[in-house]
N, C-alpha and C. Protein backbone atom coordinates (compact mmCIF):
# COMPACT_ATOMS: atom_id res chain seq x y z
N MET A 1 -2.13 -23.35 -95.00
CA MET A 1 -2.65 -22.79 -93.78
C MET A 1 -2.11 -23.57 -92.59
N ARG A 2 -1.60 -22.88 -91.59
CA ARG A 2 -0.94 -23.52 -90.46
C ARG A 2 -1.88 -24.39 -89.62
N ILE A 3 -3.12 -24.00 -89.50
CA ILE A 3 -4.07 -24.78 -88.72
C ILE A 3 -4.24 -26.17 -89.34
N GLU A 4 -4.40 -26.22 -90.65
CA GLU A 4 -4.53 -27.51 -91.34
C GLU A 4 -3.25 -28.33 -91.22
N GLU A 5 -2.09 -27.70 -91.30
CA GLU A 5 -0.82 -28.40 -91.12
C GLU A 5 -0.72 -28.99 -89.71
N ASN A 6 -1.16 -28.24 -88.71
CA ASN A 6 -1.14 -28.74 -87.33
C ASN A 6 -2.06 -29.95 -87.17
N ARG A 7 -3.23 -29.88 -87.79
CA ARG A 7 -4.18 -30.99 -87.74
C ARG A 7 -3.56 -32.25 -88.37
N LYS A 8 -2.94 -32.07 -89.53
CA LYS A 8 -2.31 -33.20 -90.21
C LYS A 8 -1.13 -33.75 -89.41
N LEU A 9 -0.37 -32.87 -88.77
CA LEU A 9 0.74 -33.30 -87.93
C LEU A 9 0.25 -34.24 -86.83
N LEU A 10 -0.81 -33.83 -86.14
CA LEU A 10 -1.31 -34.66 -85.04
C LEU A 10 -1.84 -35.99 -85.52
N LEU A 11 -2.52 -36.00 -86.65
CA LEU A 11 -3.00 -37.27 -87.19
C LEU A 11 -1.83 -38.17 -87.59
N SER A 12 -0.74 -37.57 -88.05
CA SER A 12 0.47 -38.35 -88.37
C SER A 12 1.09 -38.91 -87.09
N VAL A 13 1.07 -38.14 -86.02
CA VAL A 13 1.59 -38.62 -84.73
C VAL A 13 0.79 -39.84 -84.29
N PHE A 14 -0.52 -39.75 -84.35
CA PHE A 14 -1.35 -40.88 -83.94
C PHE A 14 -1.12 -42.09 -84.83
N SER A 15 -0.97 -41.89 -86.11
CA SER A 15 -0.69 -42.99 -87.02
C SER A 15 0.62 -43.68 -86.65
N ALA A 16 1.64 -42.92 -86.36
CA ALA A 16 2.93 -43.49 -85.96
C ALA A 16 2.80 -44.30 -84.67
N ILE A 17 2.01 -43.80 -83.72
CA ILE A 17 1.82 -44.52 -82.46
C ILE A 17 1.06 -45.83 -82.71
N GLU A 18 -0.01 -45.76 -83.48
CA GLU A 18 -0.80 -46.96 -83.78
C GLU A 18 0.04 -48.02 -84.49
N GLN A 19 0.93 -47.58 -85.36
CA GLN A 19 1.76 -48.50 -86.14
C GLN A 19 3.03 -48.91 -85.40
N ARG A 20 3.23 -48.32 -84.21
CA ARG A 20 4.43 -48.56 -83.39
C ARG A 20 5.70 -48.21 -84.19
N ASN A 21 5.60 -47.12 -84.94
CA ASN A 21 6.71 -46.65 -85.77
C ASN A 21 7.48 -45.59 -84.98
N ASP A 22 8.40 -46.04 -84.14
CA ASP A 22 9.14 -45.14 -83.26
C ASP A 22 9.96 -44.12 -84.03
N GLN A 23 10.54 -44.52 -85.15
CA GLN A 23 11.34 -43.58 -85.93
C GLN A 23 10.48 -42.43 -86.45
N ARG A 24 9.33 -42.76 -87.02
CA ARG A 24 8.44 -41.72 -87.55
C ARG A 24 7.94 -40.83 -86.41
N PHE A 25 7.57 -41.43 -85.29
CA PHE A 25 7.11 -40.67 -84.14
C PHE A 25 8.18 -39.66 -83.71
N SER A 26 9.42 -40.11 -83.61
CA SER A 26 10.52 -39.23 -83.21
C SER A 26 10.72 -38.08 -84.18
N GLU A 27 10.54 -38.34 -85.47
CA GLU A 27 10.70 -37.31 -86.48
C GLU A 27 9.66 -36.19 -86.33
N LEU A 28 8.53 -36.50 -85.75
CA LEU A 28 7.44 -35.54 -85.61
C LEU A 28 7.52 -34.71 -84.33
N LEU A 29 8.48 -35.05 -83.47
CA LEU A 29 8.61 -34.37 -82.18
C LEU A 29 9.59 -33.20 -82.23
N HIS A 30 9.23 -32.13 -81.58
CA HIS A 30 10.13 -30.99 -81.38
C HIS A 30 11.24 -31.44 -80.43
N PRO A 31 12.46 -30.93 -80.57
CA PRO A 31 13.56 -31.34 -79.66
C PRO A 31 13.24 -31.13 -78.18
N ASP A 32 12.40 -30.16 -77.86
CA ASP A 32 12.04 -29.89 -76.46
C ASP A 32 10.72 -30.54 -76.06
N PHE A 33 10.33 -31.59 -76.74
CA PHE A 33 9.05 -32.24 -76.48
C PHE A 33 8.89 -32.64 -75.02
N GLU A 34 7.69 -32.39 -74.49
CA GLU A 34 7.35 -32.83 -73.15
C GLU A 34 5.95 -33.43 -73.17
N ILE A 35 5.75 -34.42 -72.30
CA ILE A 35 4.46 -35.09 -72.24
C ILE A 35 3.99 -35.14 -70.80
N HIS A 36 2.68 -34.97 -70.63
CA HIS A 36 2.10 -34.95 -69.29
C HIS A 36 0.90 -35.88 -69.24
N TRP A 37 1.00 -36.89 -68.36
CA TRP A 37 -0.08 -37.84 -68.13
C TRP A 37 -0.66 -37.58 -66.75
N PRO A 38 -1.89 -38.01 -66.48
CA PRO A 38 -2.45 -37.86 -65.14
C PRO A 38 -1.54 -38.56 -64.11
N PRO A 39 -1.18 -37.88 -63.04
CA PRO A 39 -0.24 -38.45 -62.06
C PRO A 39 -0.75 -39.71 -61.38
N SER A 40 -2.05 -39.95 -61.40
CA SER A 40 -2.60 -41.13 -60.72
C SER A 40 -2.40 -42.42 -61.50
N LEU A 41 -1.92 -42.32 -62.73
CA LEU A 41 -1.71 -43.51 -63.55
C LEU A 41 -0.27 -44.01 -63.41
N PRO A 42 -0.03 -45.31 -63.65
CA PRO A 42 1.32 -45.87 -63.46
C PRO A 42 2.40 -45.19 -64.30
N TYR A 43 2.02 -44.57 -65.40
CA TYR A 43 2.96 -43.85 -66.27
C TYR A 43 2.75 -42.35 -66.16
N GLY A 44 2.08 -41.93 -65.09
CA GLY A 44 1.79 -40.52 -64.89
C GLY A 44 3.04 -39.67 -64.78
N THR A 45 2.86 -38.39 -64.96
CA THR A 45 3.97 -37.44 -64.89
C THR A 45 4.74 -37.65 -63.59
N GLY A 46 6.05 -37.79 -63.74
CA GLY A 46 6.92 -38.00 -62.58
C GLY A 46 7.17 -39.46 -62.25
N LYS A 47 6.51 -40.39 -62.93
CA LYS A 47 6.71 -41.82 -62.66
C LYS A 47 7.75 -42.38 -63.61
N SER A 48 8.40 -43.47 -63.20
CA SER A 48 9.46 -44.04 -64.02
C SER A 48 8.92 -44.94 -65.14
N ARG A 49 7.74 -45.48 -64.99
CA ARG A 49 7.15 -46.34 -66.02
C ARG A 49 6.60 -45.46 -67.15
N THR A 50 6.71 -45.93 -68.39
CA THR A 50 6.23 -45.15 -69.53
C THR A 50 4.89 -45.70 -70.03
N TRP A 51 4.22 -44.87 -70.84
CA TRP A 51 2.97 -45.30 -71.48
C TRP A 51 3.23 -46.55 -72.32
N THR A 52 4.33 -46.54 -73.08
CA THR A 52 4.66 -47.66 -73.96
C THR A 52 4.89 -48.93 -73.15
N GLU A 53 5.65 -48.86 -72.08
CA GLU A 53 5.89 -50.04 -71.25
C GLU A 53 4.59 -50.58 -70.66
N THR A 54 3.68 -49.67 -70.35
CA THR A 54 2.42 -50.06 -69.74
C THR A 54 1.47 -50.68 -70.76
N TRP A 55 1.30 -50.02 -71.90
CA TRP A 55 0.24 -50.42 -72.83
C TRP A 55 0.67 -51.42 -73.89
N ASN A 56 1.93 -51.47 -74.30
CA ASN A 56 2.32 -52.41 -75.36
C ASN A 56 1.89 -53.85 -75.07
N PRO A 57 2.11 -54.37 -73.86
CA PRO A 57 1.68 -55.75 -73.61
C PRO A 57 0.16 -55.92 -73.62
N LEU A 58 -0.56 -54.82 -73.47
CA LEU A 58 -2.02 -54.87 -73.41
C LEU A 58 -2.67 -54.54 -74.75
N GLN A 59 -1.84 -54.39 -75.77
CA GLN A 59 -2.35 -54.08 -77.10
C GLN A 59 -1.73 -55.03 -78.13
N PRO A 60 -2.08 -56.32 -78.02
CA PRO A 60 -1.44 -57.32 -78.89
C PRO A 60 -1.87 -57.27 -80.35
N THR A 61 -3.00 -56.65 -80.63
CA THR A 61 -3.47 -56.63 -82.02
C THR A 61 -3.76 -55.19 -82.47
N GLU A 62 -3.97 -55.06 -83.75
CA GLU A 62 -4.30 -53.76 -84.33
C GLU A 62 -5.58 -53.18 -83.71
N GLN A 63 -6.50 -54.06 -83.35
CA GLN A 63 -7.77 -53.61 -82.76
C GLN A 63 -7.53 -52.82 -81.47
N GLU A 64 -6.66 -53.31 -80.60
CA GLU A 64 -6.36 -52.61 -79.35
C GLU A 64 -5.50 -51.38 -79.58
N ARG A 65 -4.66 -51.39 -80.60
CA ARG A 65 -3.77 -50.25 -80.88
C ARG A 65 -4.50 -49.11 -81.57
N ARG A 66 -5.66 -49.39 -82.16
CA ARG A 66 -6.43 -48.38 -82.88
C ARG A 66 -6.91 -47.31 -81.90
N MET A 67 -6.63 -46.06 -82.19
CA MET A 67 -6.96 -44.96 -81.29
C MET A 67 -8.10 -44.09 -81.80
N ASP A 68 -8.48 -44.23 -83.04
CA ASP A 68 -9.57 -43.46 -83.64
C ASP A 68 -9.49 -41.97 -83.31
N PRO A 69 -8.36 -41.33 -83.60
CA PRO A 69 -8.22 -39.92 -83.26
C PRO A 69 -9.14 -39.04 -84.08
N ARG A 70 -9.71 -38.05 -83.41
CA ARG A 70 -10.59 -37.09 -84.07
C ARG A 70 -10.23 -35.69 -83.58
N VAL A 71 -9.78 -34.86 -84.48
CA VAL A 71 -9.45 -33.48 -84.13
C VAL A 71 -10.75 -32.75 -83.85
N VAL A 72 -10.86 -32.18 -82.64
CA VAL A 72 -12.09 -31.46 -82.28
C VAL A 72 -11.88 -29.95 -82.28
N ALA A 73 -10.64 -29.50 -82.23
CA ALA A 73 -10.35 -28.06 -82.29
C ALA A 73 -8.89 -27.88 -82.67
N ALA A 74 -8.61 -26.77 -83.34
CA ALA A 74 -7.24 -26.45 -83.71
C ALA A 74 -7.10 -24.96 -83.93
N ASN A 75 -5.92 -24.44 -83.59
CA ASN A 75 -5.59 -23.06 -83.92
C ASN A 75 -4.14 -23.02 -84.37
N GLU A 76 -3.54 -21.86 -84.36
CA GLU A 76 -2.17 -21.69 -84.87
C GLU A 76 -1.13 -22.44 -84.04
N ASP A 77 -1.43 -22.70 -82.75
CA ASP A 77 -0.42 -23.29 -81.86
C ASP A 77 -0.87 -24.55 -81.14
N GLU A 78 -2.17 -24.85 -81.15
CA GLU A 78 -2.67 -25.99 -80.38
C GLU A 78 -3.68 -26.79 -81.19
N VAL A 79 -3.73 -28.08 -80.83
CA VAL A 79 -4.71 -28.98 -81.42
C VAL A 79 -5.30 -29.81 -80.28
N VAL A 80 -6.60 -29.99 -80.29
CA VAL A 80 -7.28 -30.84 -79.31
C VAL A 80 -7.79 -32.06 -80.05
N VAL A 81 -7.45 -33.24 -79.53
CA VAL A 81 -7.82 -34.49 -80.17
C VAL A 81 -8.55 -35.38 -79.17
N LEU A 82 -9.68 -35.92 -79.59
CA LEU A 82 -10.39 -36.94 -78.83
C LEU A 82 -9.96 -38.28 -79.39
N TRP A 83 -9.49 -39.18 -78.52
CA TRP A 83 -9.04 -40.48 -78.98
C TRP A 83 -9.42 -41.57 -77.99
N ARG A 84 -9.23 -42.82 -78.40
CA ARG A 84 -9.60 -43.97 -77.60
C ARG A 84 -8.35 -44.65 -77.05
N GLN A 85 -8.41 -45.02 -75.78
CA GLN A 85 -7.37 -45.85 -75.16
C GLN A 85 -7.97 -47.23 -75.01
N ARG A 86 -7.34 -48.21 -75.63
CA ARG A 86 -7.87 -49.57 -75.59
C ARG A 86 -6.82 -50.53 -75.06
N GLY A 87 -7.30 -51.59 -74.44
CA GLY A 87 -6.39 -52.60 -73.97
C GLY A 87 -7.11 -53.92 -73.74
N LEU A 88 -6.31 -54.99 -73.72
CA LEU A 88 -6.80 -56.34 -73.49
C LEU A 88 -5.82 -57.02 -72.54
N SER A 89 -6.32 -57.44 -71.38
CA SER A 89 -5.44 -58.10 -70.41
C SER A 89 -5.30 -59.58 -70.76
N ARG A 90 -4.33 -60.24 -70.14
CA ARG A 90 -4.15 -61.67 -70.37
C ARG A 90 -5.35 -62.48 -69.92
N SER A 91 -6.09 -61.97 -68.94
CA SER A 91 -7.27 -62.68 -68.43
C SER A 91 -8.51 -62.41 -69.29
N GLY A 92 -8.38 -61.59 -70.33
CA GLY A 92 -9.48 -61.34 -71.24
C GLY A 92 -10.28 -60.08 -70.95
N ASP A 93 -9.91 -59.35 -69.90
CA ASP A 93 -10.61 -58.09 -69.61
C ASP A 93 -10.24 -57.05 -70.66
N ARG A 94 -11.21 -56.25 -71.05
CA ARG A 94 -10.99 -55.21 -72.05
C ARG A 94 -11.19 -53.84 -71.43
N PHE A 95 -10.43 -52.88 -71.97
CA PHE A 95 -10.64 -51.49 -71.61
C PHE A 95 -10.80 -50.71 -72.90
N ASP A 96 -11.74 -49.76 -72.90
CA ASP A 96 -11.95 -48.89 -74.05
C ASP A 96 -12.51 -47.59 -73.50
N GLY A 97 -11.66 -46.56 -73.44
CA GLY A 97 -12.08 -45.31 -72.84
C GLY A 97 -11.64 -44.10 -73.64
N ASP A 98 -12.36 -43.01 -73.42
CA ASP A 98 -12.07 -41.75 -74.11
C ASP A 98 -10.95 -40.99 -73.43
N VAL A 99 -10.14 -40.34 -74.24
CA VAL A 99 -9.08 -39.45 -73.78
C VAL A 99 -9.14 -38.18 -74.61
N LEU A 100 -8.97 -37.06 -73.96
CA LEU A 100 -8.87 -35.79 -74.66
C LEU A 100 -7.44 -35.31 -74.49
N GLY A 101 -6.79 -35.03 -75.59
CA GLY A 101 -5.40 -34.56 -75.54
C GLY A 101 -5.30 -33.12 -76.02
N LEU A 102 -4.51 -32.34 -75.29
CA LEU A 102 -4.20 -30.97 -75.69
C LEU A 102 -2.76 -30.97 -76.16
N TYR A 103 -2.54 -30.60 -77.41
CA TYR A 103 -1.23 -30.70 -78.04
C TYR A 103 -0.77 -29.32 -78.50
N GLN A 104 0.46 -28.99 -78.18
CA GLN A 104 1.05 -27.73 -78.63
C GLN A 104 2.04 -28.03 -79.75
N VAL A 105 1.96 -27.21 -80.78
CA VAL A 105 2.83 -27.36 -81.94
C VAL A 105 3.76 -26.15 -81.99
N ARG A 106 5.04 -26.44 -82.21
CA ARG A 106 6.04 -25.39 -82.34
C ARG A 106 6.96 -25.75 -83.50
N GLU A 107 7.14 -24.80 -84.41
CA GLU A 107 8.03 -24.99 -85.57
C GLU A 107 7.66 -26.24 -86.37
N GLY A 108 6.35 -26.49 -86.48
CA GLY A 108 5.87 -27.61 -87.28
C GLY A 108 6.03 -28.97 -86.65
N LYS A 109 6.36 -29.02 -85.36
CA LYS A 109 6.56 -30.29 -84.65
C LYS A 109 5.73 -30.31 -83.37
N LEU A 110 5.48 -31.50 -82.87
CA LEU A 110 4.76 -31.65 -81.62
C LEU A 110 5.69 -31.30 -80.46
N ALA A 111 5.32 -30.27 -79.69
CA ALA A 111 6.19 -29.78 -78.62
C ALA A 111 5.71 -30.18 -77.23
N ARG A 112 4.41 -30.33 -77.06
CA ARG A 112 3.88 -30.65 -75.74
C ARG A 112 2.57 -31.41 -75.90
N ALA A 113 2.39 -32.41 -75.03
CA ALA A 113 1.15 -33.18 -75.03
C ALA A 113 0.68 -33.34 -73.60
N GLN A 114 -0.61 -33.12 -73.39
CA GLN A 114 -1.19 -33.33 -72.06
C GLN A 114 -2.50 -34.08 -72.24
N MET A 115 -2.62 -35.22 -71.53
CA MET A 115 -3.77 -36.08 -71.68
C MET A 115 -4.73 -35.94 -70.51
N PHE A 116 -6.02 -35.99 -70.85
CA PHE A 116 -7.10 -35.92 -69.87
C PHE A 116 -8.01 -37.12 -70.11
N TYR A 117 -7.89 -38.13 -69.25
CA TYR A 117 -8.76 -39.30 -69.35
C TYR A 117 -10.13 -38.95 -68.78
N PHE A 118 -11.18 -39.43 -69.42
CA PHE A 118 -12.52 -39.16 -68.94
C PHE A 118 -12.78 -39.89 -67.62
N ASP A 119 -12.12 -41.05 -67.42
CA ASP A 119 -12.31 -41.83 -66.19
C ASP A 119 -10.98 -42.45 -65.78
N THR A 120 -10.17 -41.69 -65.07
CA THR A 120 -8.85 -42.21 -64.66
C THR A 120 -8.98 -43.36 -63.69
N VAL A 121 -10.05 -43.38 -62.89
CA VAL A 121 -10.24 -44.49 -61.95
C VAL A 121 -10.42 -45.80 -62.72
N ALA A 122 -11.22 -45.79 -63.76
CA ALA A 122 -11.43 -47.01 -64.56
C ALA A 122 -10.13 -47.45 -65.23
N VAL A 123 -9.34 -46.51 -65.73
CA VAL A 123 -8.05 -46.84 -66.35
C VAL A 123 -7.13 -47.47 -65.31
N ALA A 124 -7.00 -46.81 -64.16
CA ALA A 124 -6.11 -47.31 -63.09
C ALA A 124 -6.55 -48.69 -62.62
N ASN A 125 -7.85 -48.91 -62.47
CA ASN A 125 -8.34 -50.23 -62.03
C ASN A 125 -8.03 -51.31 -63.07
N PHE A 126 -8.26 -51.00 -64.34
CA PHE A 126 -7.94 -51.95 -65.40
C PHE A 126 -6.45 -52.30 -65.39
N LEU A 127 -5.61 -51.27 -65.30
CA LEU A 127 -4.16 -51.50 -65.32
C LEU A 127 -3.69 -52.28 -64.11
N GLU A 128 -4.23 -51.97 -62.95
CA GLU A 128 -3.84 -52.70 -61.74
C GLU A 128 -4.17 -54.19 -61.87
N LYS A 129 -5.37 -54.47 -62.31
CA LYS A 129 -5.80 -55.87 -62.48
C LYS A 129 -4.98 -56.55 -63.57
N ALA A 130 -4.74 -55.85 -64.68
CA ALA A 130 -3.96 -56.42 -65.78
C ALA A 130 -2.53 -56.70 -65.36
N MET A 131 -1.93 -55.80 -64.58
CA MET A 131 -0.55 -55.99 -64.14
C MET A 131 -0.44 -57.14 -63.14
N GLU A 132 -1.46 -57.37 -62.34
CA GLU A 132 -1.46 -58.51 -61.42
C GLU A 132 -1.37 -59.80 -62.20
N HIS A 133 -2.14 -59.90 -63.29
CA HIS A 133 -2.14 -61.12 -64.11
C HIS A 133 -0.84 -61.26 -64.90
N THR A 134 -0.21 -60.14 -65.26
CA THR A 134 1.04 -60.17 -66.02
C THR A 134 2.19 -60.64 -65.13
N GLU A 135 2.17 -60.24 -63.87
CA GLU A 135 3.28 -60.55 -62.96
C GLU A 135 3.22 -61.97 -62.43
N ARG A 136 2.12 -62.67 -62.63
CA ARG A 136 1.99 -64.06 -62.13
C ARG A 136 2.75 -65.03 -62.96
């Protein structure tokens, strides 16, 4: 059943991200893959900084990289996943927030991802403070 395959695909995508397995992640992407982040974030759509560049230094352990993805809805072409964004700054500040992602699947691969943070202000504030400590 395609719905179950789509659900498994997305959980595999999250596993590859948590494990920082770039090769596996790339294998799961459609050639026309596109990603959309909230524009107010440093890695938001249209910005030159990436999610990976932003979060890798803030996720030094498996605990911070754990996303706890939970599929909340799926159909023939889309999957909705609730997941956690976690981080730890050098000064010891922690971030742990909910994100809802809408994912489109095409030809058995992830074709489009759009993230909706429950509190983009809290994410932006955490990142701003964390980046200040990183740049010192």
